[in-house]
C-alpha atoms as a PDB file:
ATOM      1  CA  MET A   1       2.946  45.185 -41.084  1.00  0.00           C
ATOM      2  CA  GLN A   2       1.830  41.613 -40.592  1.00  0.00           C
ATOM      3  CA  ILE A   3       2.204  39.539 -37.435  1.00  0.00           C
ATOM      4  CA  GLN A   4       3.482  36.098 -38.216  1.00  0.00           C
ATOM      5  CA  LYS A   5       3.516  33.152 -35.924  1.00  0.00           C
ATOM      6  CA  ARG A   6       6.842  31.427 -35.905  1.00  0.00           C
ATOM      7  CA  SER A   7       7.634  28.204 -34.146  1.00  0.00           C
ATOM      8  CA  MET A   8      10.696  26.076 -34.063  1.00  0.00           C
ATOM      9  CA  ASN A   9       8.912  22.707 -34.115  1.00  0.00           C
ATOM     10  CA  TRP A  10      11.887  21.037 -32.509  1.00  0.00           C
ATOM     11  CA  VAL A  11       9.737  18.599 -30.624  1.00  0.00           C
ATOM     12  CA  SER A  12       7.505  16.538 -32.842  1.00  0.00           C
ATOM     13  CA  LYS A  13       4.001  15.823 -31.633  1.00  0.00           C
ATOM     14  CA  SER A  14       3.028  12.253 -30.973  1.00  0.00           C
ATOM     15  CA  SER A  15       0.172  10.644 -32.819  1.00  0.00           C
ATOM     16  CA  PRO A  16      -3.198  10.150 -31.077  1.00  0.00           C
ATOM     17  CA  TRP A  17      -2.526   6.414 -30.967  1.00  0.00           C
ATOM     18  CA  GLN A  18       0.781   6.985 -29.161  1.00  0.00           C
ATOM     19  CA  GLU A  19      -0.935   9.298 -26.683  1.00  0.00           C
ATOM     20  CA  MET A  20      -3.604   6.659 -25.969  1.00  0.00           C
ATOM     21  CA  GLU A  21      -0.911   3.990 -25.575  1.00  0.00           C
ATOM     22  CA  ALA A  22       1.034   6.185 -23.123  1.00  0.00           C
ATOM     23  CA  ALA A  23      -2.137   6.878 -21.123  1.00  0.00           C
ATOM     24  CA  ARG A  24      -2.958   3.163 -21.046  1.00  0.00           C
ATOM     25  CA  LEU A  25       0.532   2.333 -19.778  1.00  0.00           C
ATOM     26  CA  LYS A  26       0.251   4.998 -17.067  1.00  0.00           C
ATOM     27  CA  ARG A  27      -3.113   3.597 -15.935  1.00  0.00           C
ATOM     28  CA  ARG A  28      -1.688   0.078 -15.897  1.00  0.00           C
ATOM     29  CA  ALA A  29       1.297   1.153 -13.799  1.00  0.00           C
ATOM     30  CA  TYR A  30      -0.985   3.024 -11.393  1.00  0.00           C
ATOM     31  CA  SER A  31      -3.312   0.044 -10.974  1.00  0.00           C
ATOM     32  CA  GLN A  32      -0.393  -2.339 -10.419  1.00  0.00           C
ATOM     33  CA  ALA A  33       1.043   0.009  -7.786  1.00  0.00           C
ATOM     34  CA  ALA A  34      -2.349   0.265  -6.083  1.00  0.00           C
ATOM     35  CA  LEU A  35      -2.744  -3.520  -6.064  1.00  0.00           C
ATOM     36  CA  SER A  36       0.711  -4.072  -4.616  1.00  0.00           C
ATOM     37  CA  THR A  37       0.079  -1.452  -1.929  1.00  0.00           C
ATOM     38  CA  ALA A  38      -3.242  -3.053  -1.019  1.00  0.00           C
ATOM     39  CA  SER A  39      -1.648  -6.493  -0.925  1.00  0.00           C
ATOM     40  CA  ALA A  40       1.152  -5.300   1.346  1.00  0.00           C
ATOM     41  CA  PHE A  41      -1.337  -3.579   3.635  1.00  0.00           C
ATOM     42  CA  SER A  42      -3.549  -6.647   3.915  1.00  0.00           C
ATOM     43  CA  SER A  43      -0.618  -8.966   4.612  1.00  0.00           C
ATOM     44  CA  SER A  44       0.704  -6.628   7.318  1.00  0.00           C
ATOM     45  CA  LEU A  45      -2.780  -6.387   8.795  1.00  0.00           C
ATOM     46  CA  ILE A  46      -3.071 -10.180   8.907  1.00  0.00           C
ATOM     47  CA  SER A  47       0.363 -10.579  10.493  1.00  0.00           C
ATOM     48  CA  THR A  48      -0.505  -7.914  13.065  1.00  0.00           C
ATOM     49  CA  ALA A  49      -3.751  -9.700  13.859  1.00  0.00           C
ATOM     50  CA  ASN A  50      -1.884 -12.980  14.343  1.00  0.00           C
ATOM     51  CA  SER A  51       0.701 -11.414  16.655  1.00  0.00           C
ATOM     52  CA  THR A  52      -2.059  -9.614  18.589  1.00  0.00           C
ATOM     53  CA  THR A  53      -3.919 -12.893  19.025  1.00  0.00           C
ATOM     54  CA  ASP A  54      -0.716 -14.544  20.236  1.00  0.00           C
ATOM     55  CA  SER A  55      -0.048 -11.788  22.773  1.00  0.00           C
ATOM     56  CA  VAL A  56      -3.648 -11.921  24.039  1.00  0.00           C
ATOM     57  CA  ASN A  57      -3.422 -15.689  24.400  1.00  0.00           C
ATOM     58  CA  LEU A  58      -0.128 -15.378  26.276  1.00  0.00           C
ATOM     59  CA  THR A  59      -1.571 -12.741  28.620  1.00  0.00           C
ATOM     60  CA  MET A  60      -4.647 -14.873  29.290  1.00  0.00           C
ATOM     61  CA  GLN A  61      -2.476 -17.916  29.976  1.00  0.00           C
ATOM     62  CA  ILE A  62      -0.406 -15.952  32.507  1.00  0.00           C
ATOM     63  CA  ALA A  63      -3.589 -14.727  34.208  1.00  0.00           C
ATOM     64  CA  VAL A  64      -5.008 -18.264  34.376  1.00  0.00           C
ATOM     65  CA  ASP A  65      -1.738 -19.568  35.828  1.00  0.00           C
ATOM     66  CA  ARG A  66      -1.803 -16.870  38.522  1.00  0.00           C
ATOM     67  CA  VAL A  67      -5.394 -17.678  39.442  1.00  0.00           C
ATOM     68  CA  ARG A  68      -4.618 -21.397  39.616  1.00  0.00           C
ATOM     69  CA  ASN A  69      -1.544 -20.849  41.752  1.00  0.00           C
ATOM     70  CA  GLY A  70      -3.306 -18.332  43.977  1.00  0.00           C
ATOM     71  CA  THR A  71      -0.515 -15.831  43.595  1.00  0.00           C
ATOM     72  CA  THR A  72      -0.706 -12.140  42.951  1.00  0.00           C
ATOM     73  CA  ARG A  73       1.319  -9.958  40.667  1.00  0.00           C
ATOM     74  CA  LYS A  74       4.589  -8.795  42.164  1.00  0.00           C
ATOM     75  CA  VAL A  75       5.550  -5.199  41.509  1.00  0.00           C
END
């Protein structure tokens, strides 16, 4: 009795060139996603820094106005 390997071969294998092309496209998509994520993060960080600077400036202006007017904070 002999053991024979049988396969259906329904799915054809892709050529090495096609596998390299698919890998290249996956790397390209990953790098584009990473760049867009980094860009979004940096723009949100910059906008947060600008709004933080504005709030600090506003707080300092209120404090200076209180000192000039000689008033204290009302609770």
